[in-house]
Protein backbone atom coordinates (compact mmCIF):
# COMPACT_ATOMS: atom_id res chain seq x y z
CA UNK A 1 6.04 55.09 16.03
CA UNK A 2 7.12 51.29 16.29
CA UNK A 3 4.21 48.62 14.95
CA UNK A 4 3.92 45.43 17.24
CA UNK A 5 4.99 42.40 14.71
CA UNK A 6 3.62 39.79 17.45
CA UNK A 7 0.57 40.85 16.66
CA UNK A 8 0.90 39.72 13.11
CA UNK A 9 1.90 36.22 14.42
CA UNK A 10 -1.10 34.07 12.97
CA UNK A 11 -0.55 34.63 9.56
CA UNK A 12 3.30 33.77 9.80
CA UNK A 13 1.79 30.03 10.95
CA UNK A 14 -1.17 30.08 8.48
CA UNK A 15 1.71 30.67 5.67
CA UNK A 16 4.47 28.14 7.75
CA UNK A 17 1.58 25.28 7.85
CA UNK A 18 0.73 25.98 4.13
CA UNK A 19 4.35 25.61 3.21
CA UNK A 20 4.62 22.28 5.35
CA UNK A 21 1.49 20.74 3.00
CA UNK A 22 3.49 21.51 0.11
CA UNK A 23 6.48 20.22 1.14
CA UNK A 24 4.39 16.84 1.79
CA UNK A 25 2.54 16.95 -0.98
CA UNK A 26 6.08 16.26 -2.60
CA UNK A 27 7.24 13.55 0.16
CA UNK A 28 4.30 12.07 0.89
CA UNK A 29 5.41 10.32 4.60
CA UNK A 30 3.65 12.41 6.72
CA UNK A 31 6.29 13.71 8.41
CA UNK A 32 5.87 17.68 7.01
CA UNK A 33 2.08 16.80 7.69
CA UNK A 34 2.00 15.84 11.20
CA UNK A 35 4.25 19.22 11.88
CA UNK A 36 1.70 21.65 9.90
CA UNK A 37 -0.76 20.15 12.03
CA UNK A 38 0.74 20.85 14.76
CA UNK A 39 1.83 24.08 14.16
CA UNK A 40 -2.12 25.17 13.24
CA UNK A 41 -2.93 23.22 16.58
CA UNK A 42 -0.30 24.06 19.26
CA UNK A 43 0.77 27.55 17.24
CA UNK A 44 -2.21 28.89 15.89
CA UNK A 45 -4.32 27.41 18.70
CA UNK A 46 -2.22 28.96 21.31
CA UNK A 47 -1.50 32.45 18.75
CA UNK A 48 -6.05 32.79 19.11
CA UNK A 49 -5.47 32.72 22.71
CA UNK A 50 -3.85 35.29 23.68
CA UNK A 51 -0.21 33.20 24.44
CA UNK A 52 3.12 34.56 23.61
CA UNK A 53 5.12 33.75 21.02
CA UNK A 54 7.88 32.00 23.37
CA UNK A 55 3.97 29.57 24.18
CA UNK A 56 3.25 28.88 20.71
CA UNK A 57 6.83 27.99 19.55
CA UNK A 58 6.41 25.54 22.44
CA UNK A 59 3.17 24.57 22.15
CA UNK A 60 3.63 23.43 18.09
CA UNK A 61 6.77 22.00 18.83
CA UNK A 62 5.05 19.41 22.03
CA UNK A 63 2.36 19.10 19.70
CA UNK A 64 4.38 18.14 16.50
CA UNK A 65 6.67 16.15 18.11
CA UNK A 66 3.34 13.67 19.70
CA UNK A 67 1.97 13.64 16.16
CA UNK A 68 5.44 12.70 14.74
CA UNK A 69 5.69 9.83 16.76
CA UNK A 70 2.27 8.20 17.57
CA UNK A 71 0.06 9.44 14.50
CA UNK A 72 2.32 8.99 12.03
CA UNK A 73 3.64 5.23 12.52
CA UNK A 74 -0.21 4.40 12.77
CA UNK A 75 -0.43 6.06 9.60
CA UNK A 76 2.32 4.36 7.74
CA UNK A 77 1.10 1.26 9.32
CA UNK A 78 -2.14 1.16 7.85
CA UNK A 79 -1.36 2.71 4.38
CA UNK A 80 1.65 -0.35 4.25
CA UNK A 81 -0.60 -3.45 5.17
CA UNK A 82 -1.52 -6.10 3.28
CA UNK A 83 1.90 -5.54 0.86
CA UNK A 84 4.19 -8.15 0.89
CA UNK A 85 7.82 -7.51 0.74
CA UNK A 86 8.70 -7.35 -3.24
CA UNK A 87 5.86 -4.36 -4.03
CA UNK A 88 2.48 -5.27 -4.59
CA UNK A 89 2.37 -7.14 -8.14
CA UNK A 90 0.09 -6.63 -10.31
CA UNK A 91 -0.67 -7.37 -14.49
CA UNK A 92 0.68 -11.29 -15.21
CA UNK A 93 3.07 -11.10 -12.29
CA UNK A 94 -0.01 -11.29 -9.48
CA UNK A 95 -1.07 -14.91 -11.31
CA UNK A 96 2.18 -16.84 -10.46
CA UNK A 97 0.55 -19.08 -7.27
CA UNK A 98 -3.18 -18.45 -7.93
CA UNK A 99 -5.46 -20.73 -8.02
CA UNK A 100 -7.45 -22.00 -11.40
CA UNK A 101 -9.41 -24.63 -12.43
CA UNK A 102 -8.93 -26.92 -15.30
CA UNK A 103 -11.91 -26.76 -18.18
CA UNK A 104 -10.44 -28.53 -20.43
CA UNK A 105 -9.05 -31.88 -20.36
CA UNK A 106 -5.62 -31.91 -21.12
CA UNK A 107 -4.22 -33.53 -24.42
CA UNK A 108 -0.65 -35.65 -24.92
CA UNK A 109 0.84 -32.68 -25.41
CA UNK A 110 0.28 -31.64 -21.20
CA UNK A 111 -1.67 -28.67 -22.97
CA UNK A 112 -5.68 -27.87 -21.78
CA UNK A 113 -7.40 -24.68 -20.45
CA UNK A 114 -8.06 -23.57 -17.42
CA UNK A 115 -10.23 -20.47 -15.38
CA UNK A 116 -7.79 -18.39 -13.42
CA UNK A 117 -10.01 -17.35 -9.84
CA UNK A 118 -9.78 -13.49 -11.18
CA UNK A 119 -12.30 -14.96 -13.57
CA UNK A 120 -10.44 -15.52 -16.65
CA UNK A 121 -9.85 -18.54 -19.10
CA UNK A 122 -6.24 -19.36 -20.60
CA UNK A 123 -4.53 -21.57 -22.06
CA UNK A 124 -2.35 -23.83 -20.43
CA UNK A 125 0.32 -26.33 -20.10
CA UNK A 126 1.32 -28.29 -17.28
CA UNK A 127 4.51 -27.76 -15.34
CA UNK A 128 7.62 -29.86 -16.68
CA UNK A 129 7.72 -31.46 -13.34
CA UNK A 130 4.32 -32.82 -13.13
CA UNK A 131 4.65 -33.68 -17.72
CA UNK A 132 3.49 -37.31 -16.08
CA UNK A 133 0.68 -35.44 -14.09
CA UNK A 134 -2.84 -36.08 -15.81
CA UNK A 135 -5.66 -33.74 -15.14
CA UNK A 136 -9.57 -34.06 -15.99
CA UNK A 137 -11.92 -31.32 -16.36
CA UNK A 138 -12.66 -29.57 -13.12
CA UNK A 139 -9.13 -30.32 -11.02
CA UNK A 140 -7.33 -27.84 -9.12
CA UNK A 141 -4.45 -25.95 -10.08
CA UNK A 142 -2.35 -23.43 -9.17
CA UNK A 143 -0.19 -21.48 -11.37
CA UNK A 144 3.51 -21.80 -11.90
CA UNK A 145 4.22 -19.24 -14.20
CA UNK A 146 3.45 -17.21 -16.94
CA UNK A 147 4.85 -18.25 -20.99
CA UNK A 148 3.64 -15.10 -22.74
CA UNK A 149 -0.03 -16.13 -23.42
CA UNK A 150 -0.26 -19.55 -21.66
CA UNK A 151 0.10 -20.19 -17.81
CA UNK A 152 2.12 -23.21 -16.40
CA UNK A 153 0.05 -25.13 -13.93
CA UNK A 154 0.71 -27.69 -11.37
CA UNK A 155 -1.79 -29.47 -9.43
CA UNK A 156 -2.70 -28.24 -6.30
CA UNK A 157 -1.30 -29.80 -3.23
CA UNK A 158 -4.38 -31.22 -1.14
CA UNK A 159 -3.18 -31.26 2.60
CA UNK A 160 -3.28 -35.15 4.55
CA UNK A 161 -6.10 -33.74 6.67
CA UNK A 162 -8.60 -32.82 4.89
């Protein structure tokens, strides 16, 4: 009275897919997600159609391989699009290079106020390389760096063709 264990192979496929999903949640690289999806579509799919165990394993391997080499690179490229090489800059690091407009004329000490492109108004100081430049209200500047609660700004370079 020997039981045919291949009739319970669908349970093995579901457990394997769940294990792949759990591992994927820990790695976040879409590798195990593609293997799990290939096993679900190929392995369990062929099982439900009545295929033999070796056909199930082969179909799971083929579908997983196709997903790994076609869909996974597209997903990774889409997720990483728009990021710079150093990673996404946040907080005050994101202010460097931002455009701004002078909201109050700079005094003789090179200090004034600038409204940044993100809508914030900051105390501003002229960059040491541009200390002799005079800035009036409405002039465009670029944030060079952040020093505490003050941004160092430089006049925006204007295109010669404009």
